[in-house]
Amino acid sequence: MNQLGKIKEISSSSRGSKLRRMLSAELPMIDNLIIDGEENEEIRTATSNEKNISNLEEAKTDVATEEIKENNITPKYNSVFGSVKVKNESDKEITEEILTPNISLENNKDIVIFHTHTCESYTPSEQFNYEMTGSYRTTDLNYSVARVGTELEKYLTNYGYNVIHNQTYHDYPAYSGSYGRSLTTVENILANNCNAQIIIDLHRDAVR
């Protein structure tokens, strides 16, 4: 109970009759003082919030990216090329020649889009919700990375490219072996009268 409540309790008791008469003219003023105090506190709080907002630092642009190692996934790599770090687990050596290829395309009109991890999806929202079949994965092609491939296909087609968009599940029901299955898919596409030299494996690294 606050101080005003205590004063009112005493003034309403029989032993507080004299006090009641004395305070009869004072209680309204005390009420007003407390109300004013609460209003003043609100004003002080609002003023403080305005100062905090005015002191907020605007987001900077053109700031160099920094690698934060604290509370972060430890990077695993065994090769460094300039600013690129590569974890090479193959039996092939990565050379400067591989990283700076001199490629001449005879056919730049036919494009193949596929997805080694077809079920990779995005954070669901109230407007775009879907049923997960794994950690940020779904077999619903409208909400997985395959949908990105569909949109890319539309854009490229509008520019006059011939696009084959393959949406075969390579990571479902099993994630292990995805790359081997997707390689078979691409080889079959190329074997069936497709002379495409531009092949895109479109991913979305779906991690929690």
C-alpha atoms as a PDB file:
ATOM      1  CA  MET A   1       0.000   0.000   0.000  1.00  0.00           C
ATOM      2  CA  ASN A   2       1.344   3.447  -0.901  1.00  0.00           C
ATOM      3  CA  GLN A   3       1.565   6.418   1.469  1.00  0.00           C
ATOM      4  CA  LEU A   4      -1.679   7.975   0.214  1.00  0.00           C
ATOM      5  CA  GLY A   5      -3.521   4.724   0.877  1.00  0.00           C
ATOM      6  CA  LYS A   6      -2.189   4.577   4.425  1.00  0.00           C
ATOM      7  CA  ILE A   7      -3.286   8.159   5.116  1.00  0.00           C
ATOM      8  CA  LYS A   8      -6.771   7.439   3.777  1.00  0.00           C
ATOM      9  CA  GLU A   9      -7.020   4.249   5.882  1.00  0.00           C
ATOM     10  CA  ILE A  10      -6.116   6.094   9.095  1.00  0.00           C
ATOM     11  CA  SER A  11      -8.477   8.953   8.333  1.00  0.00           C
ATOM     12  CA  SER A  12     -11.396   6.533   7.847  1.00  0.00           C
ATOM     13  CA  SER A  13     -10.948   4.846  11.256  1.00  0.00           C
ATOM     14  CA  SER A  14     -12.668   6.021  14.457  1.00  0.00           C
ATOM     15  CA  ARG A  15      -9.377   7.009  16.073  1.00  0.00           C
ATOM     16  CA  GLY A  16      -8.589   9.091  13.062  1.00  0.00           C
ATOM     17  CA  SER A  17     -11.633  11.372  13.239  1.00  0.00           C
ATOM     18  CA  LYS A  18      -9.544  14.418  14.187  1.00  0.00           C
ATOM     19  CA  LEU A  19      -6.994  13.547  11.561  1.00  0.00           C
ATOM     20  CA  ARG A  20      -9.801  13.119   9.053  1.00  0.00           C
ATOM     21  CA  ARG A  21     -11.077  16.619   9.665  1.00  0.00           C
ATOM     22  CA  MET A  22      -7.563  18.010   9.443  1.00  0.00           C
ATOM     23  CA  LEU A  23      -6.844  16.235   6.204  1.00  0.00           C
ATOM     24  CA  SER A  24     -10.256  16.780   4.613  1.00  0.00           C
ATOM     25  CA  ALA A  25      -8.912  19.778   2.790  1.00  0.00           C
ATOM     26  CA  GLU A  26      -5.442  18.310   2.228  1.00  0.00           C
ATOM     27  CA  LEU A  27      -6.280  14.951   0.601  1.00  0.00           C
ATOM     28  CA  PRO A  28      -7.412  16.411  -2.758  1.00  0.00           C
ATOM     29  CA  MET A  29      -4.174  18.355  -2.929  1.00  0.00           C
ATOM     30  CA  ILE A  30      -2.162  15.206  -2.092  1.00  0.00           C
ATOM     31  CA  ASP A  31      -4.063  13.310  -4.801  1.00  0.00           C
ATOM     32  CA  ASN A  32      -3.180  16.008  -7.312  1.00  0.00           C
ATOM     33  CA  LEU A  33       0.453  15.981  -6.259  1.00  0.00           C
ATOM     34  CA  ILE A  34       0.718  12.216  -6.763  1.00  0.00           C
ATOM     35  CA  ILE A  35      -1.101  12.364 -10.087  1.00  0.00           C
ATOM     36  CA  ASP A  36       1.164  15.207 -11.158  1.00  0.00           C
ATOM     37  CA  GLY A  37       4.131  13.153 -10.043  1.00  0.00           C
ATOM     38  CA  GLU A  38       3.017  10.241 -12.211  1.00  0.00           C
ATOM     39  CA  GLU A  39       2.464  12.533 -15.165  1.00  0.00           C
ATOM     40  CA  ASN A  40       5.847  14.136 -14.610  1.00  0.00           C
ATOM     41  CA  GLU A  41       7.417  10.682 -14.567  1.00  0.00           C
ATOM     42  CA  GLU A  42       5.755   9.892 -17.896  1.00  0.00           C
ATOM     43  CA  ILE A  43       7.053  13.157 -19.317  1.00  0.00           C
ATOM     44  CA  ARG A  44      10.566  12.386 -18.041  1.00  0.00           C
ATOM     45  CA  THR A  45      10.382   8.894 -19.555  1.00  0.00           C
ATOM     46  CA  ALA A  46       9.177  10.216 -22.915  1.00  0.00           C
ATOM     47  CA  THR A  47      11.905  12.870 -22.934  1.00  0.00           C
ATOM     48  CA  SER A  48      14.513  10.232 -22.099  1.00  0.00           C
ATOM     49  CA  ASN A  49      13.267   7.996 -24.926  1.00  0.00           C
ATOM     50  CA  GLU A  50      13.459  10.900 -27.371  1.00  0.00           C
ATOM     51  CA  LYS A  51      17.053  11.558 -26.327  1.00  0.00           C
ATOM     52  CA  ASN A  52      17.908   7.866 -26.767  1.00  0.00           C
ATOM     53  CA  ILE A  53      16.370   7.870 -30.255  1.00  0.00           C
ATOM     54  CA  SER A  54      18.257  11.005 -31.240  1.00  0.00           C
ATOM     55  CA  ASN A  55      21.508   9.395 -30.038  1.00  0.00           C
ATOM     56  CA  LEU A  56      21.038   6.270 -32.183  1.00  0.00           C
ATOM     57  CA  GLU A  57      23.802   5.780 -34.711  1.00  0.00           C
ATOM     58  CA  GLU A  58      22.659   5.401 -38.287  1.00  0.00           C
ATOM     59  CA  ALA A  59      23.693   2.284 -40.167  1.00  0.00           C
ATOM     60  CA  LYS A  60      26.956   2.871 -42.006  1.00  0.00           C
ATOM     61  CA  THR A  61      27.619   1.976 -45.605  1.00  0.00           C
ATOM     62  CA  ASP A  62      30.812   0.994 -47.393  1.00  0.00           C
ATOM     63  CA  VAL A  63      32.127  -0.703 -44.247  1.00  0.00           C
ATOM     64  CA  ALA A  64      34.627  -3.531 -44.641  1.00  0.00           C
ATOM     65  CA  THR A  65      33.317  -6.975 -43.717  1.00  0.00           C
ATOM     66  CA  GLU A  66      34.896  -8.454 -40.607  1.00  0.00           C
ATOM     67  CA  GLU A  67      35.069 -12.092 -39.601  1.00  0.00           C
ATOM     68  CA  ILE A  68      33.661 -12.508 -36.084  1.00  0.00           C
ATOM     69  CA  LYS A  69      35.119 -15.622 -34.498  1.00  0.00           C
ATOM     70  CA  GLU A  70      33.535 -15.299 -31.062  1.00  0.00           C
ATOM     71  CA  ASN A  71      30.407 -17.470 -30.724  1.00  0.00           C
ATOM     72  CA  ASN A  72      30.703 -18.332 -34.380  1.00  0.00           C
ATOM     73  CA  ILE A  73      31.202 -21.519 -36.372  1.00  0.00           C
ATOM     74  CA  THR A  74      34.917 -22.217 -36.646  1.00  0.00           C
ATOM     75  CA  PRO A  75      35.837 -21.974 -40.339  1.00  0.00           C
ATOM     76  CA  LYS A  76      37.354 -25.139 -41.768  1.00  0.00           C
ATOM     77  CA  TYR A  77      39.544 -24.686 -44.805  1.00  0.00           C
ATOM     78  CA  ASN A  78      42.863 -25.958 -46.125  1.00  0.00           C
ATOM     79  CA  SER A  79      43.474 -23.621 -49.058  1.00  0.00           C
ATOM     80  CA  VAL A  80      43.509 -19.846 -49.288  1.00  0.00           C
ATOM     81  CA  PHE A  81      43.434 -17.906 -52.547  1.00  0.00           C
ATOM     82  CA  GLY A  82      43.415 -14.178 -51.952  1.00  0.00           C
ATOM     83  CA  SER A  83      40.340 -13.533 -49.816  1.00  0.00           C
ATOM     84  CA  VAL A  84      38.762 -16.889 -50.724  1.00  0.00           C
ATOM     85  CA  LYS A  85      39.073 -19.799 -48.279  1.00  0.00           C
ATOM     86  CA  VAL A  86      38.385 -23.260 -49.628  1.00  0.00           C
ATOM     87  CA  LYS A  87      37.881 -26.566 -47.853  1.00  0.00           C
ATOM     88  CA  ASN A  88      39.111 -28.977 -50.498  1.00  0.00           C
ATOM     89  CA  GLU A  89      38.254 -32.577 -49.640  1.00  0.00           C
ATOM     90  CA  SER A  90      38.761 -33.897 -53.153  1.00  0.00           C
ATOM     91  CA  ASP A  91      41.804 -35.627 -54.565  1.00  0.00           C
ATOM     92  CA  LYS A  92      42.278 -32.787 -57.052  1.00  0.00           C
ATOM     93  CA  GLU A  93      44.608 -29.883 -56.440  1.00  0.00           C
ATOM     94  CA  ILE A  94      43.158 -26.398 -56.743  1.00  0.00           C
ATOM     95  CA  THR A  95      45.457 -24.264 -58.846  1.00  0.00           C
ATOM     96  CA  GLU A  96      45.524 -20.620 -59.863  1.00  0.00           C
ATOM     97  CA  GLU A  97      44.694 -21.747 -63.407  1.00  0.00           C
ATOM     98  CA  ILE A  98      41.477 -23.365 -62.172  1.00  0.00           C
ATOM     99  CA  LEU A  99      40.525 -20.214 -60.307  1.00  0.00           C
ATOM    100  CA  THR A 100      41.192 -17.979 -63.313  1.00  0.00           C
ATOM    101  CA  PRO A 101      39.834 -20.014 -66.210  1.00  0.00           C
ATOM    102  CA  ASN A 102      39.880 -18.771 -69.772  1.00  0.00           C
ATOM    103  CA  ILE A 103      36.588 -20.131 -71.038  1.00  0.00           C
ATOM    104  CA  SER A 104      35.056 -19.591 -74.432  1.00  0.00           C
ATOM    105  CA  LEU A 105      31.415 -20.637 -74.762  1.00  0.00           C
ATOM    106  CA  GLU A 106      30.141 -21.775 -78.120  1.00  0.00           C
ATOM    107  CA  ASN A 107      26.599 -22.010 -76.815  1.00  0.00           C
ATOM    108  CA  ASN A 108      25.487 -19.310 -74.403  1.00  0.00           C
ATOM    109  CA  LYS A 109      21.768 -19.526 -75.166  1.00  0.00           C
ATOM    110  CA  ASP A 110      20.928 -22.857 -73.520  1.00  0.00           C
ATOM    111  CA  ILE A 111      20.968 -22.989 -69.728  1.00  0.00           C
ATOM    112  CA  VAL A 112      20.328 -25.811 -67.274  1.00  0.00           C
ATOM    113  CA  ILE A 113      19.201 -25.068 -63.715  1.00  0.00           C
ATOM    114  CA  PHE A 114      19.077 -27.824 -61.116  1.00  0.00           C
ATOM    115  CA  HIS A 115      19.307 -28.198 -57.355  1.00  0.00           C
ATOM    116  CA  THR A 116      21.532 -30.660 -55.533  1.00  0.00           C
ATOM    117  CA  HIS A 117      19.619 -29.728 -52.368  1.00  0.00           C
ATOM    118  CA  THR A 118      16.162 -29.252 -53.806  1.00  0.00           C
ATOM    119  CA  CYS A 119      14.389 -29.136 -50.440  1.00  0.00           C
ATOM    120  CA  GLU A 120      16.369 -26.243 -48.957  1.00  0.00           C
ATOM    121  CA  SER A 121      13.824 -23.653 -47.849  1.00  0.00           C
ATOM    122  CA  TYR A 122      13.464 -20.393 -45.956  1.00  0.00           C
ATOM    123  CA  THR A 123      12.201 -19.168 -42.595  1.00  0.00           C
ATOM    124  CA  PRO A 124       8.410 -19.579 -42.684  1.00  0.00           C
ATOM    125  CA  SER A 125       6.243 -16.576 -41.903  1.00  0.00           C
ATOM    126  CA  GLU A 126       2.558 -15.993 -41.271  1.00  0.00           C
ATOM    127  CA  GLN A 127       2.054 -14.974 -44.886  1.00  0.00           C
ATOM    128  CA  PHE A 128       4.358 -17.629 -46.365  1.00  0.00           C
ATOM    129  CA  ASN A 129       3.992 -20.711 -44.205  1.00  0.00           C
ATOM    130  CA  TYR A 130       4.768 -24.259 -45.222  1.00  0.00           C
ATOM    131  CA  GLU A 131       5.130 -27.735 -43.778  1.00  0.00           C
ATOM    132  CA  MET A 132       8.738 -28.585 -42.993  1.00  0.00           C
ATOM    133  CA  THR A 133      10.132 -31.999 -43.880  1.00  0.00           C
ATOM    134  CA  GLY A 134      13.397 -31.264 -42.089  1.00  0.00           C
ATOM    135  CA  SER A 135      15.382 -28.413 -40.612  1.00  0.00           C
ATOM    136  CA  TYR A 136      14.432 -25.538 -42.921  1.00  0.00           C
ATOM    137  CA  ARG A 137      13.604 -27.971 -45.677  1.00  0.00           C
ATOM    138  CA  THR A 138      10.396 -28.825 -47.483  1.00  0.00           C
ATOM    139  CA  THR A 139       9.243 -30.958 -50.391  1.00  0.00           C
ATOM    140  CA  ASP A 140       6.812 -28.173 -51.346  1.00  0.00           C
ATOM    141  CA  LEU A 141       8.463 -26.747 -54.457  1.00  0.00           C
ATOM    142  CA  ASN A 142       6.599 -23.456 -53.990  1.00  0.00           C
ATOM    143  CA  TYR A 143       8.576 -22.718 -50.817  1.00  0.00           C
ATOM    144  CA  SER A 144      11.950 -24.337 -51.431  1.00  0.00           C
ATOM    145  CA  VAL A 145      14.975 -23.110 -53.353  1.00  0.00           C
ATOM    146  CA  ALA A 146      13.327 -24.659 -56.411  1.00  0.00           C
ATOM    147  CA  ARG A 147      10.957 -21.672 -56.412  1.00  0.00           C
ATOM    148  CA  VAL A 148      13.998 -19.403 -56.813  1.00  0.00           C
ATOM    149  CA  GLY A 149      14.976 -21.515 -59.811  1.00  0.00           C
ATOM    150  CA  THR A 150      11.492 -21.053 -61.257  1.00  0.00           C
ATOM    151  CA  GLU A 151      11.746 -17.269 -60.921  1.00  0.00           C
ATOM    152  CA  LEU A 152      15.242 -17.270 -62.447  1.00  0.00           C
ATOM    153  CA  GLU A 153      13.940 -19.374 -65.316  1.00  0.00           C
ATOM    154  CA  LYS A 154      11.234 -16.759 -66.013  1.00  0.00           C
ATOM    155  CA  TYR A 155      13.751 -13.911 -66.105  1.00  0.00           C
ATOM    156  CA  LEU A 156      16.198 -15.753 -68.350  1.00  0.00           C
ATOM    157  CA  THR A 157      13.419 -16.843 -70.707  1.00  0.00           C
ATOM    158  CA  ASN A 158      12.299 -13.214 -71.042  1.00  0.00           C
ATOM    159  CA  TYR A 159      15.835 -12.384 -72.188  1.00  0.00           C
ATOM    160  CA  GLY A 160      15.655 -15.028 -74.909  1.00  0.00           C
ATOM    161  CA  TYR A 161      17.500 -17.894 -73.238  1.00  0.00           C
ATOM    162  CA  ASN A 162      16.401 -21.508 -73.533  1.00  0.00           C
ATOM    163  CA  VAL A 163      16.136 -22.848 -70.003  1.00  0.00           C
ATOM    164  CA  ILE A 164      15.740 -26.364 -68.637  1.00  0.00           C
ATOM    165  CA  HIS A 165      14.824 -26.211 -64.947  1.00  0.00           C
ATOM    166  CA  ASN A 166      15.053 -29.595 -63.284  1.00  0.00           C
ATOM    167  CA  GLN A 167      13.333 -29.903 -59.887  1.00  0.00           C
ATOM    168  CA  THR A 168      14.163 -33.517 -59.052  1.00  0.00           C
ATOM    169  CA  TYR A 169      14.537 -34.196 -55.311  1.00  0.00           C
ATOM    170  CA  HIS A 170      18.189 -35.086 -54.790  1.00  0.00           C
ATOM    171  CA  ASP A 171      18.237 -34.626 -51.001  1.00  0.00           C
ATOM    172  CA  TYR A 172      14.992 -36.400 -50.116  1.00  0.00           C
ATOM    173  CA  PRO A 173      14.281 -38.787 -48.524  1.00  0.00           C
ATOM    174  CA  ALA A 174      18.036 -39.050 -47.926  1.00  0.00           C
ATOM    175  CA  TYR A 175      20.397 -36.064 -47.720  1.00  0.00           C
ATOM    176  CA  SER A 176      23.560 -38.154 -47.987  1.00  0.00           C
ATOM    177  CA  GLY A 177      24.531 -38.824 -51.582  1.00  0.00           C
ATOM    178  CA  SER A 178      22.812 -35.710 -52.942  1.00  0.00           C
ATOM    179  CA  TYR A 179      25.700 -34.699 -55.185  1.00  0.00           C
ATOM    180  CA  GLY A 180      25.987 -38.121 -56.770  1.00  0.00           C
ATOM    181  CA  ARG A 181      22.288 -38.155 -57.598  1.00  0.00           C
ATOM    182  CA  SER A 182      22.317 -34.609 -58.981  1.00  0.00           C
ATOM    183  CA  LEU A 183      25.350 -35.453 -61.150  1.00  0.00           C
ATOM    184  CA  THR A 184      23.385 -38.339 -62.657  1.00  0.00           C
ATOM    185  CA  THR A 185      20.467 -35.981 -63.354  1.00  0.00           C
ATOM    186  CA  VAL A 186      22.665 -33.455 -65.172  1.00  0.00           C
ATOM    187  CA  GLU A 187      24.448 -36.154 -67.164  1.00  0.00           C
ATOM    188  CA  ASN A 188      21.076 -37.500 -68.307  1.00  0.00           C
ATOM    189  CA  ILE A 189      19.921 -34.012 -69.327  1.00  0.00           C
ATOM    190  CA  LEU A 190      23.070 -33.426 -71.380  1.00  0.00           C
ATOM    191  CA  ALA A 191      22.828 -36.876 -72.945  1.00  0.00           C
ATOM    192  CA  ASN A 192      19.334 -36.131 -74.243  1.00  0.00           C
ATOM    193  CA  ASN A 193      20.192 -33.724 -77.048  1.00  0.00           C
ATOM    194  CA  CYS A 194      20.999 -30.805 -74.780  1.00  0.00           C
ATOM    195  CA  ASN A 195      24.082 -28.838 -75.743  1.00  0.00           C
ATOM    196  CA  ALA A 196      23.992 -26.463 -72.789  1.00  0.00           C
ATOM    197  CA  GLN A 197      27.340 -25.181 -71.570  1.00  0.00           C
ATOM    198  CA  ILE A 198      25.920 -23.033 -68.777  1.00  0.00           C
ATOM    199  CA  ILE A 199      24.801 -25.205 -65.869  1.00  0.00           C
ATOM    200  CA  ILE A 200      23.645 -23.680 -62.580  1.00  0.00           C
ATOM    201  CA  ASP A 201      23.377 -25.648 -59.339  1.00  0.00           C
ATOM    202  CA  LEU A 202      21.191 -23.222 -57.381  1.00  0.00           C
ATOM    203  CA  HIS A 203      21.442 -23.532 -53.591  1.00  0.00           C
ATOM    204  CA  ARG A 204      20.124 -21.886 -50.465  1.00  0.00           C
ATOM    205  CA  ASP A 205      22.259 -22.910 -47.478  1.00  0.00           C
ATOM    206  CA  ALA A 206      19.414 -23.869 -45.171  1.00  0.00           C
ATOM    207  CA  VAL A 207      20.701 -23.767 -41.603  1.00  0.00           C
ATOM    208  CA  ARG A 208      18.790 -23.095 -38.409  1.00  0.00           C
END
